[in-house]
Protein backbone atom coordinates (compact mmCIF):
# COMPACT_ATOMS: atom_id res chain seq x y z
CA MET A 1 -4.55 5.67 -5.75
CA HIS A 2 -1.33 3.85 -6.21
CA LYS A 3 0.46 2.79 -9.38
CA HIS A 4 -0.93 -0.69 -8.67
CA GLY A 5 -4.42 0.39 -9.74
CA VAL A 6 -3.14 1.90 -12.97
CA ALA A 7 -1.11 -1.23 -13.77
CA GLU A 8 -4.12 -3.48 -13.10
CA ALA A 9 -6.41 -1.34 -15.26
CA LEU A 10 -3.93 -1.42 -18.14
CA PHE A 11 -3.57 -5.19 -17.73
CA LEU A 12 -7.34 -5.70 -17.76
CA ARG A 13 -7.62 -3.52 -20.86
CA THR A 14 -6.13 -6.40 -22.84
CA TYR A 15 -9.28 -8.40 -21.98
CA SER A 16 -11.96 -5.76 -22.46
CA GLU A 17 -12.54 -2.55 -24.40
CA ASP A 18 -14.59 -1.07 -21.57
CA ILE A 19 -12.51 -0.52 -18.40
CA THR A 20 -13.18 2.15 -15.80
CA LEU A 21 -10.70 2.69 -12.99
CA VAL A 22 -12.46 3.61 -9.75
CA ALA A 23 -10.19 4.60 -6.89
CA ASN A 24 -10.99 3.84 -3.27
CA GLU A 25 -9.30 7.12 -2.33
CA THR A 26 -8.45 10.38 -4.06
CA ALA A 27 -6.47 9.65 -7.21
CA GLU A 28 -2.99 11.13 -7.16
CA LEU A 29 -1.80 10.22 -10.62
CA ASP A 30 0.98 11.91 -12.51
CA ASP A 31 0.77 12.94 -16.15
CA ASN A 32 2.46 9.71 -17.28
CA ASP A 33 -0.18 7.57 -15.55
CA ARG A 34 -3.04 9.66 -16.88
CA GLY A 35 -1.50 9.56 -20.36
CA ALA A 36 -1.12 5.77 -20.26
CA LEU A 37 -4.74 5.33 -19.17
CA ASP A 38 -5.97 7.73 -21.85
CA LYS A 39 -3.88 6.09 -24.58
CA ALA A 40 -5.23 2.65 -23.61
CA GLY A 41 -8.81 3.91 -23.55
CA VAL A 42 -9.26 3.35 -19.81
CA THR A 43 -11.75 5.72 -18.21
CA LEU A 44 -10.80 7.24 -14.86
CA ALA A 45 -13.84 7.73 -12.62
CA ALA A 46 -14.52 11.36 -11.69
CA ALA A 47 -14.32 10.68 -7.94
CA PRO A 48 -13.41 7.91 -5.50
CA LEU A 49 -15.74 5.06 -4.61
CA ALA A 50 -18.49 5.83 -2.10
CA SER A 51 -20.42 2.54 -2.24
CA ILE A 52 -21.12 -0.56 -4.31
CA ASP A 53 -24.55 -2.14 -4.79
CA PHE A 54 -24.41 -5.64 -6.23
CA GLY A 55 -28.20 -5.73 -6.44
CA SER A 56 -29.98 -8.86 -7.54
CA GLY A 57 -29.37 -8.81 -11.27
CA ASP A 58 -26.38 -8.81 -13.57
CA GLU A 59 -25.50 -5.17 -13.00
CA VAL A 60 -23.38 -3.58 -10.29
CA SER A 61 -23.95 0.06 -9.34
CA ILE A 62 -20.91 2.01 -8.18
CA THR A 63 -21.74 5.28 -6.47
CA LEU A 64 -18.98 7.87 -6.48
CA GLU A 65 -18.19 10.31 -3.68
CA LYS A 66 -19.26 13.97 -3.59
CA GLY A 67 -22.30 13.41 -5.79
CA ALA A 68 -20.10 12.63 -8.81
CA GLY A 69 -22.62 10.10 -10.06
CA THR A 70 -23.15 6.39 -10.42
CA ILE A 71 -21.46 3.97 -12.78
CA VAL A 72 -23.27 0.78 -13.79
CA VAL A 73 -21.07 -2.16 -14.77
CA ASP A 74 -21.42 -5.91 -15.21
CA THR A 75 -18.10 -6.91 -13.63
CA VAL A 76 -16.03 -5.60 -10.74
CA TYR A 77 -12.36 -6.50 -10.37
CA PRO A 78 -11.04 -5.38 -6.99
CA ALA A 79 -7.34 -4.58 -7.09
CA LEU A 80 -6.53 -3.38 -3.63
CA GLY A 81 -2.85 -4.30 -3.64
CA SER A 82 -1.11 -5.45 -0.50
CA ASP A 83 1.32 -4.23 2.09
CA ILE A 84 4.23 -6.61 2.50
CA ASN A 85 4.89 -7.29 6.18
CA THR A 86 8.43 -8.67 6.32
CA GLU A 87 9.52 -7.28 9.68
CA LEU A 88 9.61 -10.68 11.44
CA ALA A 89 11.51 -12.27 8.57
CA VAL A 90 14.07 -9.46 8.53
CA ALA A 91 14.44 -9.71 12.32
CA VAL A 92 15.61 -13.32 11.99
CA GLY A 93 17.95 -12.55 9.09
CA VAL A 94 15.89 -13.44 6.02
CA ALA A 95 17.09 -11.63 2.88
CA LEU A 96 14.78 -9.41 0.88
CA SER A 97 14.71 -8.94 -2.89
CA ASP A 98 15.04 -5.59 -4.67
CA CYS A 99 11.25 -5.19 -4.52
CA ARG A 100 11.35 -5.61 -0.70
CA CYS A 101 9.75 -9.07 -0.88
CA ILE A 102 11.26 -12.11 0.83
CA ALA A 103 13.82 -13.64 -1.54
CA VAL A 104 13.20 -17.35 -2.18
CA ASP A 105 14.49 -20.06 -4.50
CA ASP A 106 12.36 -22.32 -6.72
CA ASP A 107 11.27 -24.33 -3.66
CA GLN A 108 10.29 -21.20 -1.68
CA LEU A 109 13.39 -21.59 0.55
CA THR A 110 14.86 -18.37 1.92
CA ASN A 111 18.54 -17.76 2.59
CA ILE A 112 18.09 -19.46 5.98
CA THR A 113 18.10 -23.27 5.93
CA GLY A 114 14.68 -24.58 6.91
CA CYS A 115 12.93 -21.21 6.55
CA TYR A 116 10.40 -21.06 3.71
CA ALA A 117 8.12 -18.26 2.55
CA ALA A 118 4.98 -18.22 0.42
CA GLY A 119 2.19 -15.88 -0.60
CA ASP A 120 2.16 -12.11 -0.85
CA VAL A 121 5.47 -11.72 1.04
CA VAL A 122 7.34 -13.18 -1.94
CA ALA A 123 7.48 -11.72 -5.46
CA GLY A 124 4.71 -12.69 -7.85
CA LEU A 125 1.04 -12.11 -8.45
CA ASP A 126 -0.72 -11.23 -5.21
CA GLN A 127 -3.50 -13.75 -5.74
CA ILE A 128 -4.86 -16.55 -3.57
CA SER A 129 -4.25 -19.19 -6.25
CA VAL A 130 -0.59 -18.17 -6.54
CA ALA A 131 -0.14 -18.17 -2.76
CA THR A 132 -1.67 -21.66 -2.66
CA GLY A 133 0.83 -22.81 -5.28
CA HIS A 134 3.70 -21.29 -3.31
CA GLY A 135 2.47 -23.12 -0.22
CA ALA A 136 2.27 -26.43 -2.07
CA LYS A 137 5.81 -26.02 -3.40
CA ALA A 138 7.11 -25.13 0.06
CA ALA A 139 5.26 -28.03 1.69
CA THR A 140 6.72 -30.51 -0.80
CA ALA A 141 10.22 -29.13 -0.29
CA ILE A 142 9.83 -29.27 3.50
CA HIS A 143 8.52 -32.84 3.30
CA ASN A 144 11.45 -33.91 1.15
CA ALA A 145 13.96 -32.11 3.39
CA LEU A 146 12.56 -33.82 6.49
CA ARG A 147 12.67 -37.23 4.81
CA THR A 148 16.31 -36.65 3.92
CA ILE A 149 17.08 -35.66 7.52
CA ASP A 150 15.28 -38.79 8.77
CA GLY A 151 17.15 -40.95 6.26
CA GLU A 152 13.98 -41.99 4.48
CA THR A 153 14.63 -40.85 0.95
CA ALA A 154 12.55 -42.11 -1.93
CA LYS A 155 15.58 -44.06 -3.18
CA GLN A 156 15.95 -45.90 0.13
CA LEU A 157 12.26 -46.76 0.32
CA SER A 158 12.21 -48.28 -3.16
CA THR A 159 15.00 -50.81 -2.44
């Protein structure tokens, strides 16, 4: 388990009193992580996930590995994290931020003119809705940049 799972569980704790963190692999948490989960009242499952049964009702059954039991919940929030693949960007000279994401400005433009980045490769919430927003911002910036290059700015079209 990575720190990502702990951070997500602590975040979700602000929405619910009943949070159980179930790892998809053996949990390798340090005392600080375990202390933070305990202090927040987040339960750490006794073993990693073996299987999930969404059934036909409102309950989800999570079976743990090594016969450690089954947990029944009403909501599952998968927080798998992501691996940032920036090798191609780095190969063409794109700058990375301190967190090893592609560095972009407010329009998703990288340090290379005409090169934009969006989604999980840039800093922010690794969520589809955020990636979609990044893409929309980049598309608008690209559209405006191309219009400027073509000499068709909004100002020229309105006169």
